[in-house]
Protein backbone atom coordinates (compact mmCIF):
# COMPACT_ATOMS: atom_id res chain seq x y z
CA MET A 1 -12.92 -23.87 -3.98
CA ASN A 2 -12.64 -23.61 -7.73
CA ASP A 3 -9.66 -22.33 -9.71
CA GLU A 4 -11.04 -18.80 -10.07
CA GLN A 5 -11.60 -18.43 -6.32
CA PHE A 6 -8.14 -19.83 -5.66
CA GLU A 7 -6.55 -17.35 -8.06
CA GLU A 8 -8.40 -14.44 -6.44
CA ALA A 9 -7.40 -15.58 -2.94
CA PHE A 10 -3.80 -16.03 -4.05
CA ALA A 11 -3.72 -12.56 -5.61
CA ARG A 12 -5.12 -11.00 -2.40
CA ALA A 13 -2.57 -12.86 -0.26
CA LYS A 14 0.24 -11.77 -2.58
CA LYS A 15 -0.85 -8.12 -2.24
CA ARG A 16 -0.97 -8.41 1.56
CA VAL A 17 2.52 -9.93 1.69
CA GLY A 18 3.83 -7.23 -0.63
CA ALA A 19 2.25 -4.55 1.56
CA ARG A 20 3.80 -6.05 4.69
CA ILE A 21 7.24 -6.26 3.07
CA GLY A 22 6.87 -2.64 1.98
CA PHE A 23 6.05 -1.64 5.55
CA TYR A 24 9.08 -3.46 6.96
CA LYS A 25 11.34 -1.73 4.41
CA HIS A 26 9.81 1.60 5.44
CA LEU A 27 10.36 0.81 9.13
CA VAL A 28 14.00 -0.22 8.66
CA SER A 29 14.79 2.91 6.65
CA PHE A 30 13.03 5.03 9.30
CA ILE A 31 15.14 3.53 12.08
CA LEU A 32 18.47 3.67 10.25
CA ILE A 33 18.08 7.20 8.91
CA ASN A 34 16.92 8.54 12.26
CA ILE A 35 19.93 6.96 13.98
CA ILE A 36 22.16 8.69 11.42
CA LEU A 37 20.35 12.00 12.02
CA LEU A 38 20.78 11.58 15.79
CA VAL A 39 24.53 11.00 15.40
CA ILE A 40 24.91 13.97 13.05
CA ASN A 41 22.98 16.17 15.50
CA LEU A 42 25.03 15.08 18.52
CA VAL A 43 28.35 15.46 16.70
CA CYS A 44 27.71 18.76 14.90
CA SER A 45 25.51 20.68 17.35
CA PRO A 46 25.01 18.89 20.67
CA GLY A 47 23.63 22.02 22.32
CA ASP A 48 20.84 22.43 19.77
CA LEU A 49 18.81 19.24 19.43
CA TRP A 50 16.76 19.06 16.23
CA PHE A 51 16.82 15.35 15.36
CA TYR A 52 13.43 14.74 17.00
CA TRP A 53 11.54 16.88 14.44
CA PRO A 54 12.09 14.51 11.51
CA LEU A 55 11.69 11.61 13.94
CA LEU A 56 8.25 12.84 14.99
CA GLY A 57 7.06 13.76 11.51
CA TRP A 58 8.20 10.57 9.85
CA GLY A 59 7.09 8.56 12.90
CA VAL A 60 3.49 9.66 12.34
CA VAL A 61 3.69 8.44 8.73
CA VAL A 62 5.18 5.10 9.81
CA PHE A 63 2.43 4.74 12.44
CA PHE A 64 -0.33 5.19 9.86
CA HIS A 65 1.47 2.86 7.46
CA ALA A 66 1.55 0.25 10.25
CA LEU A 67 -2.15 0.70 10.91
CA ARG A 68 -3.01 0.20 7.26
CA VAL A 69 -0.83 -2.89 6.87
CA VAL A 70 -0.96 -4.62 10.27
CA ALA A 71 -4.21 -3.53 11.94
CA PHE A 72 -6.39 -3.36 8.81
CA PRO A 73 -4.74 -5.75 6.34
CA GLY A 74 -6.38 -5.96 2.96
CA SER A 75 -8.92 -3.21 3.64
CA ARG A 76 -7.40 -1.11 0.88
CA HIS A 77 -7.52 -3.98 -1.58
CA ARG A 78 -11.06 -5.19 -0.97
CA GLN A 79 -13.27 -4.17 -3.81
CA LYS A 80 -16.74 -5.38 -4.53
CA PRO A 81 -17.10 -6.76 -8.03
CA ARG A 82 -18.81 -4.29 -10.30
CA PRO A 83 -21.88 -5.53 -12.12
CA LYS A 84 -21.49 -5.60 -15.87
CA LYS A 85 -23.35 -2.82 -17.60
CA GLU A 86 -25.94 -3.79 -20.13
CA SER A 87 -25.43 -1.99 -23.38
CA ASN A 88 -28.31 -0.12 -24.98
CA LYS A 89 -26.82 -0.70 -28.43
CA PRO A 90 -28.57 -3.07 -30.83
CA GLU A 91 -27.10 -6.54 -31.22
CA LYS A 92 -25.56 -5.68 -34.61
CA MET A 93 -23.57 -2.80 -33.15
CA ARG A 94 -22.32 -4.88 -30.20
CA ASN A 95 -20.99 -7.55 -32.54
CA GLY A 96 -19.17 -5.11 -34.79
CA ASN A 97 -21.45 -4.67 -37.86
CA GLN A 98 -21.16 -8.26 -38.99
CA GLY A 99 -24.19 -7.89 -41.27
CA CYS A 100 -22.61 -5.35 -43.65
């Protein structure tokens, strides 16, 4: 493994770790905020339960976030290298008019 391959592998691993940390932050905020919403609902209007609506909606988002990060890690970040385009310009124009 040469230095360039190592750098690319390190960058991919760093992105995956960052994505996983982002997911865990999302999950913790989901849990804490929904606990707060449950308490507010039970204290303010115990006869009319509404806390499950944000729980369900946000839960779907957390589920898809988990799929992207845990089940399919790196699939978003994999990109095939693009081939370099050959320019149709003459050599003089590519080098910046060095002959003038």
